[in-house]
Amino acid sequence: MQDMKKQHNQNQKQKQLLNEESKKKERHIVTWTQEEDDILRDQIGIHGTEKY
């Protein structure tokens, strides 16, 4: 009986880890406004691309 509980707990932990990993991989697509895009381009023009 203890072995079954131990196995169940291990399975639960594995499922939880897999669920957490899949959440980390989710991507959120964000659309920039034209104003934000223009500001970003201006800042890149001023500061370059190597400092990020």
N, C-alpha and C. Protein backbone atom coordinates (compact mmCIF):
# COMPACT_ATOMS: atom_id res chain seq x y z
N MET A 1 0.82 -1.20 0.00
CA MET A 1 0.00 0.00 0.00
C MET A 1 0.87 1.27 0.00
N GLN A 2 1.93 1.27 0.79
CA GLN A 2 2.82 2.42 0.84
C GLN A 2 3.50 2.64 -0.51
N ASP A 3 3.85 1.54 -1.17
CA ASP A 3 4.47 1.66 -2.49
C ASP A 3 3.52 2.33 -3.48
N MET A 4 2.25 2.00 -3.38
CA MET A 4 1.27 2.61 -4.28
C MET A 4 1.14 4.10 -4.01
N LYS A 5 1.15 4.49 -2.74
CA LYS A 5 1.07 5.90 -2.39
C LYS A 5 2.31 6.64 -2.86
N LYS A 6 3.45 6.01 -2.68
CA LYS A 6 4.71 6.61 -3.10
C LYS A 6 4.72 6.82 -4.61
N GLN A 7 4.27 5.83 -5.34
CA GLN A 7 4.21 5.91 -6.80
C GLN A 7 3.23 7.01 -7.23
N HIS A 8 2.10 7.07 -6.55
CA HIS A 8 1.10 8.10 -6.86
C HIS A 8 1.69 9.49 -6.64
N ASN A 9 2.39 9.69 -5.53
CA ASN A 9 2.99 10.98 -5.23
C ASN A 9 4.03 11.36 -6.27
N GLN A 10 4.82 10.38 -6.71
CA GLN A 10 5.82 10.64 -7.74
C GLN A 10 5.15 11.04 -9.05
N ASN A 11 4.08 10.35 -9.39
CA ASN A 11 3.35 10.68 -10.62
C ASN A 11 2.76 12.09 -10.55
N GLN A 12 2.23 12.44 -9.39
CA GLN A 12 1.66 13.78 -9.21
C GLN A 12 2.74 14.85 -9.37
N LYS A 13 3.91 14.61 -8.79
CA LYS A 13 5.01 15.57 -8.90
C LYS A 13 5.46 15.73 -10.35
N GLN A 14 5.53 14.61 -11.08
CA GLN A 14 5.92 14.67 -12.49
C GLN A 14 4.90 15.46 -13.31
N LYS A 15 3.63 15.23 -13.06
CA LYS A 15 2.58 15.96 -13.77
C LYS A 15 2.66 17.45 -13.46
N GLN A 16 2.93 17.77 -12.21
CA GLN A 16 3.01 19.17 -11.80
C GLN A 16 4.20 19.85 -12.49
N LEU A 17 5.35 19.17 -12.55
CA LEU A 17 6.52 19.73 -13.22
C LEU A 17 6.26 19.95 -14.70
N LEU A 18 5.63 18.98 -15.35
CA LEU A 18 5.31 19.13 -16.77
C LEU A 18 4.36 20.29 -17.01
N ASN A 19 3.39 20.46 -16.13
CA ASN A 19 2.43 21.55 -16.25
C ASN A 19 3.13 22.90 -16.09
N GLU A 20 4.03 23.00 -15.13
CA GLU A 20 4.77 24.25 -14.91
C GLU A 20 5.65 24.57 -16.11
N GLU A 21 6.29 23.54 -16.69
CA GLU A 21 7.14 23.76 -17.85
C GLU A 21 6.33 24.24 -19.04
N SER A 22 5.15 23.67 -19.24
CA SER A 22 4.33 24.07 -20.37
C SER A 22 3.83 25.51 -20.20
N LYS A 23 3.57 25.92 -18.98
CA LYS A 23 3.16 27.30 -18.73
C LYS A 23 4.28 28.27 -19.07
N LYS A 24 5.52 27.91 -18.77
CA LYS A 24 6.65 28.77 -19.06
C LYS A 24 6.83 28.96 -20.57
N LYS A 25 6.43 27.98 -21.35
CA LYS A 25 6.63 28.02 -22.79
C LYS A 25 5.55 28.80 -23.52
N GLU A 26 4.48 29.14 -22.82
CA GLU A 26 3.40 29.89 -23.46
C GLU A 26 3.92 31.25 -23.89
N ARG A 27 3.54 31.66 -25.08
CA ARG A 27 3.95 32.97 -25.58
C ARG A 27 2.72 33.86 -25.74
N HIS A 28 2.91 35.09 -25.40
CA HIS A 28 1.84 36.06 -25.55
C HIS A 28 2.22 37.01 -26.68
N ILE A 29 1.40 37.08 -27.68
CA ILE A 29 1.67 37.97 -28.80
C ILE A 29 1.12 39.34 -28.45
N VAL A 30 1.99 40.33 -28.54
CA VAL A 30 1.61 41.69 -28.20
C VAL A 30 1.74 42.54 -29.46
N THR A 31 0.74 43.31 -29.75
CA THR A 31 0.79 44.21 -30.89
C THR A 31 1.17 45.59 -30.40
N TRP A 32 2.21 46.14 -31.00
CA TRP A 32 2.67 47.48 -30.64
C TRP A 32 1.85 48.51 -31.40
N THR A 33 1.61 49.64 -30.75
CA THR A 33 0.95 50.74 -31.46
C THR A 33 1.99 51.38 -32.37
N GLN A 34 1.54 52.13 -33.33
CA GLN A 34 2.48 52.82 -34.24
C GLN A 34 3.35 53.79 -33.44
N GLU A 35 2.78 54.46 -32.45
CA GLU A 35 3.54 55.40 -31.62
C GLU A 35 4.66 54.68 -30.86
N GLU A 36 4.33 53.53 -30.25
CA GLU A 36 5.34 52.74 -29.52
C GLU A 36 6.43 52.26 -30.46
N ASP A 37 6.04 51.83 -31.65
CA ASP A 37 6.99 51.35 -32.64
C ASP A 37 7.94 52.48 -33.06
N ASP A 38 7.39 53.67 -33.27
CA ASP A 38 8.21 54.82 -33.65
C ASP A 38 9.19 55.19 -32.54
N ILE A 39 8.72 55.19 -31.29
CA ILE A 39 9.59 55.50 -30.15
C ILE A 39 10.73 54.49 -30.07
N LEU A 40 10.40 53.22 -30.22
CA LEU A 40 11.42 52.18 -30.16
C LEU A 40 12.46 52.37 -31.26
N ARG A 41 12.01 52.65 -32.47
CA ARG A 41 12.95 52.88 -33.58
C ARG A 41 13.85 54.08 -33.30
N ASP A 42 13.28 55.15 -32.75
CA ASP A 42 14.08 56.33 -32.41
C ASP A 42 15.14 55.98 -31.37
N GLN A 43 14.74 55.25 -30.34
CA GLN A 43 15.68 54.89 -29.28
C GLN A 43 16.79 53.96 -29.80
N ILE A 44 16.44 53.05 -30.67
CA ILE A 44 17.45 52.17 -31.26
C ILE A 44 18.41 53.00 -32.11
N GLY A 45 17.88 54.00 -32.82
CA GLY A 45 18.72 54.89 -33.60
C GLY A 45 19.70 55.66 -32.73
N ILE A 46 19.27 56.04 -31.54
CA ILE A 46 20.11 56.80 -30.61
C ILE A 46 21.10 55.89 -29.89
N HIS A 47 20.63 54.79 -29.37
CA HIS A 47 21.44 53.93 -28.50
C HIS A 47 22.04 52.72 -29.18
N GLY A 48 21.60 52.39 -30.36
CA GLY A 48 22.11 51.22 -31.07
C GLY A 48 21.43 49.93 -30.60
N THR A 49 21.88 48.83 -31.14
CA THR A 49 21.26 47.52 -30.83
C THR A 49 22.09 46.66 -29.90
N GLU A 50 23.26 47.10 -29.53
CA GLU A 50 24.16 46.25 -28.74
C GLU A 50 23.98 46.37 -27.24
N LYS A 51 23.17 47.26 -26.75
CA LYS A 51 23.07 47.52 -25.31
C LYS A 51 21.84 46.90 -24.67
N TYR A 52 21.21 45.95 -25.31
CA TYR A 52 19.98 45.38 -24.76
C TYR A 52 20.20 44.02 -24.20
